[in-house]
């Protein structure tokens, strides 16, 4: 991926290495839910292999898939902002291997080192901005009379 929101593009090597010291590898079978909207956001993941779909609960309908994430992408940003509750849901579309991080440990590391904390905050902020845009476009495509009107 060449996205500026992937960990490798967003974090300088020293900060990336420091963050990865807190990681442990996990796996999810296809169809496994990583988290549900409204529940406590106490961890996050970086996708190693596989695909994760972010979805939004829509009353009376199936969840709307907002975005699909792959290698190197951050799954979850709600852990970074109080009240630390998930704003979307997430499901493994295929078998997924990922690095999992304890949100409290990462927030503590950010508080201890302002430069590291700033870089994490900028990264998470870029992810939030990108996801909000993707959500808007996807919801317009699903529910607006003529779609989003976007050509790209």
N, C-alpha and C. Protein backbone atom coordinates (compact mmCIF):
# COMPACT_ATOMS: atom_id res chain seq x y z
N UNK A 1 0.83 -1.18 0.00
CA UNK A 1 0.00 0.00 0.00
C UNK A 1 0.88 1.25 0.00
N UNK A 2 0.43 2.24 -0.70
CA UNK A 2 1.17 3.49 -0.73
C UNK A 2 0.48 4.59 0.06
N UNK A 3 -0.58 4.24 0.75
CA UNK A 3 -1.35 5.21 1.51
C UNK A 3 -0.49 5.88 2.57
N UNK A 4 -0.73 7.18 2.79
CA UNK A 4 -0.01 7.89 3.84
C UNK A 4 -0.54 7.53 5.22
N UNK A 5 -1.60 6.71 5.26
CA UNK A 5 -2.13 6.31 6.55
C UNK A 5 -1.60 4.96 7.03
N UNK A 6 -0.78 4.28 6.22
CA UNK A 6 -0.18 3.04 6.71
C UNK A 6 0.90 3.38 7.72
N UNK A 7 1.14 2.46 8.63
CA UNK A 7 2.13 2.70 9.68
C UNK A 7 3.51 3.00 9.08
N UNK A 8 3.91 2.25 8.06
CA UNK A 8 5.25 2.45 7.50
C UNK A 8 5.41 3.81 6.85
N UNK A 9 4.34 4.36 6.28
CA UNK A 9 4.41 5.69 5.67
C UNK A 9 4.26 6.81 6.69
N UNK A 10 3.53 6.54 7.77
CA UNK A 10 3.19 7.60 8.72
C UNK A 10 4.22 7.81 9.81
N UNK A 11 4.92 6.76 10.20
CA UNK A 11 5.85 6.86 11.32
C UNK A 11 7.29 6.74 10.87
N UNK A 12 8.13 7.59 11.42
CA UNK A 12 9.56 7.48 11.12
C UNK A 12 10.10 6.18 11.74
N UNK A 13 11.16 5.62 11.17
CA UNK A 13 11.62 4.28 11.59
C UNK A 13 11.83 4.10 13.09
N UNK A 14 12.41 5.07 13.77
CA UNK A 14 12.64 4.93 15.20
C UNK A 14 11.35 4.83 16.00
N UNK A 15 10.38 5.63 15.63
CA UNK A 15 9.09 5.59 16.32
C UNK A 15 8.33 4.31 15.97
N UNK A 16 8.45 3.88 14.73
CA UNK A 16 7.81 2.62 14.31
C UNK A 16 8.38 1.45 15.12
N UNK A 17 9.70 1.41 15.26
CA UNK A 17 10.34 0.35 16.04
C UNK A 17 9.91 0.40 17.50
N UNK A 18 9.82 1.59 18.03
CA UNK A 18 9.40 1.75 19.43
C UNK A 18 7.97 1.25 19.63
N UNK A 19 7.08 1.61 18.72
CA UNK A 19 5.71 1.15 18.81
C UNK A 19 5.63 -0.37 18.69
N UNK A 20 6.39 -0.93 17.76
CA UNK A 20 6.33 -2.38 17.53
C UNK A 20 6.83 -3.19 18.73
N UNK A 21 7.59 -2.59 19.62
CA UNK A 21 8.00 -3.30 20.84
C UNK A 21 6.81 -3.66 21.72
N UNK A 22 5.70 -2.95 21.55
CA UNK A 22 4.49 -3.21 22.34
C UNK A 22 3.55 -4.20 21.65
N UNK A 23 3.86 -4.60 20.44
CA UNK A 23 2.95 -5.43 19.65
C UNK A 23 3.06 -6.90 20.01
N UNK A 24 1.95 -7.58 19.84
CA UNK A 24 1.99 -9.04 19.83
C UNK A 24 1.10 -9.51 18.68
N UNK A 25 1.52 -10.60 18.06
CA UNK A 25 0.82 -11.08 16.87
C UNK A 25 -0.44 -11.85 17.25
N UNK A 26 -1.51 -11.59 16.50
CA UNK A 26 -2.79 -12.27 16.68
C UNK A 26 -3.31 -12.68 15.31
N UNK A 27 -4.29 -13.57 15.32
CA UNK A 27 -4.94 -13.95 14.06
C UNK A 27 -6.44 -14.04 14.28
N UNK A 28 -7.17 -13.81 13.20
CA UNK A 28 -8.62 -13.86 13.20
C UNK A 28 -9.07 -14.69 12.00
N UNK A 29 -10.03 -15.56 12.22
CA UNK A 29 -10.61 -16.31 11.12
C UNK A 29 -11.57 -15.41 10.35
N UNK A 30 -11.80 -15.72 9.08
CA UNK A 30 -12.78 -14.98 8.29
C UNK A 30 -14.12 -15.02 9.01
N UNK A 31 -14.77 -13.88 9.09
CA UNK A 31 -16.05 -13.77 9.77
C UNK A 31 -15.96 -13.37 11.23
N UNK A 32 -14.75 -13.37 11.80
CA UNK A 32 -14.58 -12.96 13.20
C UNK A 32 -14.77 -11.46 13.35
N UNK A 33 -15.45 -11.06 14.41
CA UNK A 33 -15.62 -9.65 14.71
C UNK A 33 -14.46 -9.19 15.58
N UNK A 34 -13.78 -8.13 15.16
CA UNK A 34 -12.70 -7.56 15.96
C UNK A 34 -13.27 -6.67 17.04
N UNK A 35 -14.29 -5.89 16.69
CA UNK A 35 -14.96 -5.04 17.67
C UNK A 35 -16.32 -4.62 17.15
N UNK A 36 -17.14 -4.13 18.08
CA UNK A 36 -18.50 -3.68 17.78
C UNK A 36 -18.66 -2.22 18.16
N UNK A 37 -19.44 -1.54 17.36
CA UNK A 37 -19.79 -0.14 17.60
C UNK A 37 -20.30 0.06 19.03
N UNK A 38 -19.79 1.10 19.71
CA UNK A 38 -20.26 1.44 21.04
C UNK A 38 -19.58 0.72 22.19
N UNK A 39 -18.76 -0.27 21.88
CA UNK A 39 -18.06 -1.00 22.95
C UNK A 39 -16.72 -0.34 23.24
N UNK A 40 -16.12 -0.74 24.34
CA UNK A 40 -14.87 -0.16 24.82
C UNK A 40 -13.71 -0.39 23.83
N UNK A 41 -13.01 0.68 23.50
CA UNK A 41 -11.87 0.62 22.57
C UNK A 41 -10.59 0.59 23.40
N UNK A 42 -10.13 -0.60 23.72
CA UNK A 42 -8.96 -0.75 24.59
C UNK A 42 -7.74 -1.32 23.88
N UNK A 43 -7.86 -1.51 22.57
CA UNK A 43 -6.74 -2.03 21.78
C UNK A 43 -6.91 -1.60 20.34
N UNK A 44 -5.89 -1.83 19.53
CA UNK A 44 -5.97 -1.58 18.10
C UNK A 44 -5.03 -2.53 17.40
N UNK A 45 -5.11 -2.57 16.08
CA UNK A 45 -4.35 -3.53 15.29
C UNK A 45 -3.73 -2.87 14.06
N UNK A 46 -2.64 -3.46 13.60
CA UNK A 46 -2.06 -3.16 12.30
C UNK A 46 -2.16 -4.45 11.51
N UNK A 47 -2.79 -4.40 10.34
CA UNK A 47 -2.97 -5.60 9.53
C UNK A 47 -1.63 -6.05 8.96
N UNK A 48 -1.33 -7.33 9.14
CA UNK A 48 -0.16 -7.93 8.51
C UNK A 48 -0.55 -8.57 7.19
N UNK A 49 -1.51 -9.49 7.25
CA UNK A 49 -2.05 -10.13 6.05
C UNK A 49 -3.56 -10.25 6.21
N UNK A 50 -4.25 -10.31 5.08
CA UNK A 50 -5.69 -10.46 5.10
C UNK A 50 -6.40 -9.12 4.95
N UNK A 51 -7.71 -9.17 5.14
CA UNK A 51 -8.55 -8.01 4.91
C UNK A 51 -9.57 -7.85 6.03
N UNK A 52 -9.75 -6.62 6.48
CA UNK A 52 -10.72 -6.29 7.52
C UNK A 52 -11.70 -5.26 6.96
N UNK A 53 -12.99 -5.51 7.15
CA UNK A 53 -14.02 -4.56 6.72
C UNK A 53 -14.49 -3.74 7.91
N UNK A 54 -14.55 -2.43 7.74
CA UNK A 54 -15.14 -1.54 8.74
C UNK A 54 -16.60 -1.35 8.35
N UNK A 55 -17.50 -1.51 9.32
CA UNK A 55 -18.91 -1.40 8.99
C UNK A 55 -19.64 -0.53 10.00
N UNK A 56 -20.79 -0.05 9.56
CA UNK A 56 -21.61 0.86 10.33
C UNK A 56 -23.00 0.25 10.49
N UNK A 57 -23.46 0.17 11.73
CA UNK A 57 -24.80 -0.36 11.99
C UNK A 57 -25.84 0.59 11.41
N UNK A 58 -26.76 0.04 10.62
CA UNK A 58 -27.85 0.80 10.03
C UNK A 58 -29.14 0.12 10.47
N UNK A 59 -29.95 0.77 11.31
CA UNK A 59 -31.17 0.13 11.80
C UNK A 59 -32.05 -0.38 10.66
N UNK A 60 -32.51 -1.61 10.80
CA UNK A 60 -33.39 -2.20 9.80
C UNK A 60 -32.71 -2.70 8.55
N UNK A 61 -31.39 -2.61 8.50
CA UNK A 61 -30.62 -3.06 7.33
C UNK A 61 -29.38 -3.80 7.78
N UNK A 62 -28.74 -4.44 6.84
CA UNK A 62 -27.45 -5.07 7.13
C UNK A 62 -26.43 -3.96 7.39
N UNK A 63 -25.39 -4.25 8.17
CA UNK A 63 -24.35 -3.23 8.37
C UNK A 63 -23.78 -2.77 7.03
N UNK A 64 -23.54 -1.48 6.91
CA UNK A 64 -22.96 -0.92 5.69
C UNK A 64 -21.45 -0.98 5.80
N UNK A 65 -20.81 -1.66 4.85
CA UNK A 65 -19.35 -1.70 4.83
C UNK A 65 -18.86 -0.34 4.34
N UNK A 66 -18.06 0.30 5.17
CA UNK A 66 -17.58 1.65 4.89
C UNK A 66 -16.25 1.61 4.15
N UNK A 67 -15.38 0.70 4.58
CA UNK A 67 -14.05 0.64 4.00
C UNK A 67 -13.46 -0.73 4.28
N UNK A 68 -12.56 -1.15 3.40
CA UNK A 68 -11.85 -2.41 3.58
C UNK A 68 -10.38 -2.09 3.75
N UNK A 69 -9.77 -2.68 4.78
CA UNK A 69 -8.38 -2.40 5.13
C UNK A 69 -7.50 -3.61 4.86
N UNK A 70 -6.25 -3.33 4.48
CA UNK A 70 -5.30 -4.40 4.20
C UNK A 70 -3.96 -4.14 4.85
N UNK A 71 -2.94 -4.77 4.31
CA UNK A 71 -1.59 -4.77 4.86
C UNK A 71 -1.10 -3.38 5.28
N UNK A 72 -0.62 -3.31 6.53
CA UNK A 72 -0.01 -2.10 7.05
C UNK A 72 -0.98 -1.05 7.56
N UNK A 73 -2.28 -1.31 7.43
CA UNK A 73 -3.25 -0.29 7.81
C UNK A 73 -3.71 -0.44 9.26
N UNK A 74 -4.02 0.69 9.85
CA UNK A 74 -4.49 0.78 11.23
C UNK A 74 -5.96 0.39 11.29
N UNK A 75 -6.26 -0.57 12.16
CA UNK A 75 -7.64 -0.96 12.42
C UNK A 75 -8.01 -0.39 13.78
N UNK A 76 -8.84 0.63 13.74
CA UNK A 76 -9.30 1.27 14.97
C UNK A 76 -8.54 2.54 15.28
N UNK A 77 -9.28 3.60 15.54
CA UNK A 77 -8.68 4.86 16.00
C UNK A 77 -9.35 5.37 17.27
N UNK A 78 -10.47 4.80 17.63
CA UNK A 78 -11.24 5.27 18.79
C UNK A 78 -10.48 5.11 20.10
N UNK A 79 -9.50 4.23 20.15
CA UNK A 79 -8.68 4.01 21.33
C UNK A 79 -7.89 5.26 21.71
N UNK A 80 -7.70 6.16 20.74
CA UNK A 80 -6.83 7.33 20.95
C UNK A 80 -7.58 8.52 21.54
N UNK A 81 -8.91 8.51 21.49
CA UNK A 81 -9.71 9.65 21.91
C UNK A 81 -10.76 9.23 22.93
N UNK A 82 -10.80 9.96 24.06
CA UNK A 82 -11.84 9.70 25.06
C UNK A 82 -13.20 9.93 24.41
N UNK A 83 -14.18 9.16 24.71
CA UNK A 83 -14.34 8.22 25.82
C UNK A 83 -13.88 6.79 25.52
N UNK A 84 -13.09 6.60 24.47
CA UNK A 84 -12.52 5.29 24.11
C UNK A 84 -13.60 4.26 23.84
N UNK A 85 -14.52 4.62 22.93
CA UNK A 85 -15.57 3.71 22.48
C UNK A 85 -15.51 3.63 20.96
N UNK A 86 -15.72 2.42 20.43
CA UNK A 86 -15.66 2.24 18.98
C UNK A 86 -16.79 2.99 18.29
N UNK A 87 -16.46 3.63 17.17
CA UNK A 87 -17.43 4.37 16.38
C UNK A 87 -17.99 3.54 15.23
N UNK A 88 -17.31 2.47 14.88
CA UNK A 88 -17.72 1.54 13.83
C UNK A 88 -17.55 0.13 14.36
N UNK A 89 -17.86 -0.85 13.53
CA UNK A 89 -17.55 -2.23 13.82
C UNK A 89 -16.49 -2.70 12.84
N UNK A 90 -15.90 -3.87 13.12
CA UNK A 90 -14.88 -4.41 12.22
C UNK A 90 -14.99 -5.92 12.18
N UNK A 91 -14.82 -6.47 10.98
CA UNK A 91 -14.91 -7.91 10.77
C UNK A 91 -13.81 -8.37 9.82
N UNK A 92 -13.22 -9.51 10.12
CA UNK A 92 -12.24 -10.12 9.22
C UNK A 92 -12.98 -10.67 8.01
N UNK A 93 -12.63 -10.18 6.83
CA UNK A 93 -13.24 -10.64 5.59
C UNK A 93 -12.58 -11.93 5.13
N UNK A 94 -11.30 -12.04 5.40
CA UNK A 94 -10.50 -13.22 5.08
C UNK A 94 -9.70 -13.55 6.34
N UNK A 95 -9.00 -14.66 6.36
CA UNK A 95 -8.12 -14.88 7.51
C UNK A 95 -7.15 -13.70 7.66
N UNK A 96 -6.99 -13.23 8.88
CA UNK A 96 -6.17 -12.04 9.14
C UNK A 96 -5.11 -12.38 10.17
N UNK A 97 -3.91 -11.92 9.89
CA UNK A 97 -2.83 -11.90 10.89
C UNK A 97 -2.53 -10.43 11.11
N UNK A 98 -2.39 -10.06 12.36
CA UNK A 98 -2.21 -8.64 12.68
C UNK A 98 -1.35 -8.50 13.92
N UNK A 99 -0.86 -7.29 14.12
CA UNK A 99 -0.17 -6.94 15.36
C UNK A 99 -1.18 -6.20 16.21
N UNK A 100 -1.30 -6.64 17.45
CA UNK A 100 -2.25 -6.04 18.37
C UNK A 100 -1.49 -5.22 19.41
N UNK A 101 -2.08 -4.09 19.77
CA UNK A 101 -1.48 -3.16 20.72
C UNK A 101 -2.47 -2.85 21.83
N UNK A 102 -1.99 -2.78 23.05
CA UNK A 102 -2.80 -2.34 24.17
C UNK A 102 -2.86 -0.81 24.12
N UNK A 103 -4.07 -0.27 24.03
CA UNK A 103 -4.23 1.17 23.86
C UNK A 103 -3.68 1.96 25.04
N UNK A 104 -3.90 1.48 26.26
CA UNK A 104 -3.41 2.20 27.44
C UNK A 104 -1.90 2.30 27.45
N UNK A 105 -1.22 1.22 27.05
CA UNK A 105 0.25 1.24 27.00
C UNK A 105 0.75 2.24 25.97
N UNK A 106 0.09 2.28 24.81
CA UNK A 106 0.51 3.22 23.76
C UNK A 106 0.23 4.66 24.18
N UNK A 107 -0.93 4.90 24.78
CA UNK A 107 -1.21 6.26 25.26
C UNK A 107 -0.21 6.70 26.32
N UNK A 108 0.19 5.78 27.19
CA UNK A 108 1.19 6.10 28.22
C UNK A 108 2.52 6.44 27.57
N UNK A 109 2.91 5.69 26.55
CA UNK A 109 4.16 5.96 25.84
C UNK A 109 4.10 7.32 25.15
N UNK A 110 2.94 7.66 24.61
CA UNK A 110 2.76 8.98 23.98
C UNK A 110 2.89 10.10 25.00
N UNK A 111 2.37 9.90 26.20
CA UNK A 111 2.44 10.91 27.25
C UNK A 111 3.87 11.10 27.75
N UNK A 112 4.66 10.04 27.73
CA UNK A 112 6.05 10.11 28.20
C UNK A 112 6.98 10.78 27.21
N UNK A 113 6.68 10.71 25.93
CA UNK A 113 7.56 11.24 24.89
C UNK A 113 6.73 12.08 23.93
N UNK A 114 6.83 13.41 24.06
CA UNK A 114 5.99 14.32 23.29
C UNK A 114 6.19 14.16 21.78
N UNK A 115 7.41 13.95 21.32
CA UNK A 115 7.66 13.81 19.89
C UNK A 115 6.99 12.54 19.34
N UNK A 116 7.15 11.45 20.07
CA UNK A 116 6.51 10.19 19.70
C UNK A 116 4.98 10.37 19.72
N UNK A 117 4.46 10.98 20.78
CA UNK A 117 3.03 11.21 20.92
C UNK A 117 2.46 12.06 19.81
N UNK A 118 3.21 13.09 19.41
CA UNK A 118 2.76 13.95 18.31
C UNK A 118 2.68 13.16 17.01
N UNK A 119 3.68 12.34 16.74
CA UNK A 119 3.69 11.58 15.50
C UNK A 119 2.54 10.56 15.47
N UNK A 120 2.27 9.93 16.60
CA UNK A 120 1.13 9.01 16.68
C UNK A 120 -0.17 9.78 16.47
N UNK A 121 -0.31 10.94 17.11
CA UNK A 121 -1.53 11.74 16.99
C UNK A 121 -1.76 12.20 15.55
N UNK A 122 -0.71 12.62 14.87
CA UNK A 122 -0.84 13.04 13.46
C UNK A 122 -1.26 11.85 12.60
N UNK A 123 -0.64 10.70 12.84
CA UNK A 123 -1.00 9.50 12.10
C UNK A 123 -2.47 9.15 12.31
N UNK A 124 -2.89 9.07 13.57
CA UNK A 124 -4.28 8.71 13.87
C UNK A 124 -5.23 9.78 13.30
N UNK A 125 -4.85 11.04 13.37
CA UNK A 125 -5.67 12.10 12.80
C UNK A 125 -5.85 11.95 11.30
N UNK A 126 -4.80 11.58 10.60
CA UNK A 126 -4.91 11.34 9.15
C UNK A 126 -5.85 10.17 8.87
N UNK A 127 -5.75 9.14 9.69
CA UNK A 127 -6.63 7.99 9.52
C UNK A 127 -8.08 8.41 9.74
N UNK A 128 -8.34 9.18 10.80
CA UNK A 128 -9.70 9.65 11.08
C UNK A 128 -10.24 10.45 9.89
N UNK A 129 -9.46 11.38 9.39
CA UNK A 129 -9.90 12.22 8.26
C UNK A 129 -10.20 11.36 7.04
N UNK A 130 -9.34 10.41 6.75
CA UNK A 130 -9.55 9.54 5.60
C UNK A 130 -10.79 8.68 5.78
N UNK A 131 -11.00 8.16 6.99
CA UNK A 131 -12.17 7.30 7.26
C UNK A 131 -13.47 8.10 7.22
N UNK A 132 -13.45 9.33 7.70
CA UNK A 132 -14.65 10.16 7.63
C UNK A 132 -15.04 10.43 6.18
N UNK A 133 -14.05 10.71 5.36
CA UNK A 133 -14.30 10.93 3.93
C UNK A 133 -14.86 9.65 3.30
N UNK A 134 -14.23 8.51 3.58
CA UNK A 134 -14.69 7.24 3.02
C UNK A 134 -16.11 6.93 3.48
N UNK A 135 -16.42 7.23 4.74
CA UNK A 135 -17.77 6.99 5.27
C UNK A 135 -18.79 7.84 4.54
N UNK A 136 -18.47 9.09 4.35
CA UNK A 136 -19.40 9.99 3.66
C UNK A 136 -19.67 9.50 2.24
N UNK A 137 -18.62 9.19 1.51
CA UNK A 137 -18.77 8.73 0.13
C UNK A 137 -19.57 7.43 0.08
N UNK A 138 -19.24 6.49 0.94
CA UNK A 138 -19.93 5.20 0.94
C UNK A 138 -21.40 5.35 1.31
N UNK A 139 -21.72 6.14 2.32
CA UNK A 139 -23.11 6.32 2.71
C UNK A 139 -23.91 7.05 1.64
N UNK A 140 -23.29 8.01 0.96
CA UNK A 140 -23.97 8.66 -0.16
C UNK A 140 -24.22 7.66 -1.28
N UNK A 141 -23.24 6.81 -1.56
CA UNK A 141 -23.44 5.79 -2.60
C UNK A 141 -24.59 4.86 -2.24
N UNK A 142 -24.71 4.52 -0.96
CA UNK A 142 -25.74 3.57 -0.54
C UNK A 142 -27.12 4.20 -0.43
N UNK A 143 -27.21 5.45 0.05
CA UNK A 143 -28.51 5.98 0.44
C UNK A 143 -28.96 7.25 -0.26
N UNK A 144 -28.09 7.95 -0.95
CA UNK A 144 -28.51 9.15 -1.64
C UNK A 144 -29.19 8.76 -2.97
N UNK A 145 -30.11 9.57 -3.45
CA UNK A 145 -30.84 9.19 -4.67
C UNK A 145 -29.94 8.97 -5.89
N UNK A 146 -28.85 9.73 -6.01
CA UNK A 146 -27.98 9.61 -7.16
C UNK A 146 -26.56 9.24 -6.79
N UNK A 147 -26.36 8.67 -5.63
CA UNK A 147 -25.02 8.31 -5.20
C UNK A 147 -24.22 9.54 -4.81
N UNK A 148 -22.94 9.35 -4.66
CA UNK A 148 -22.08 10.45 -4.21
C UNK A 148 -21.78 11.45 -5.29
N UNK A 149 -21.96 11.05 -6.55
CA UNK A 149 -21.62 11.94 -7.65
C UNK A 149 -20.14 12.01 -7.91
N UNK A 150 -19.34 11.22 -7.16
CA UNK A 150 -17.89 11.24 -7.34
C UNK A 150 -17.50 10.35 -8.50
N UNK A 151 -16.55 10.79 -9.28
CA UNK A 151 -16.07 10.00 -10.41
C UNK A 151 -14.89 9.13 -10.02
N UNK A 152 -14.21 9.48 -8.93
CA UNK A 152 -13.06 8.67 -8.50
C UNK A 152 -13.26 8.13 -7.14
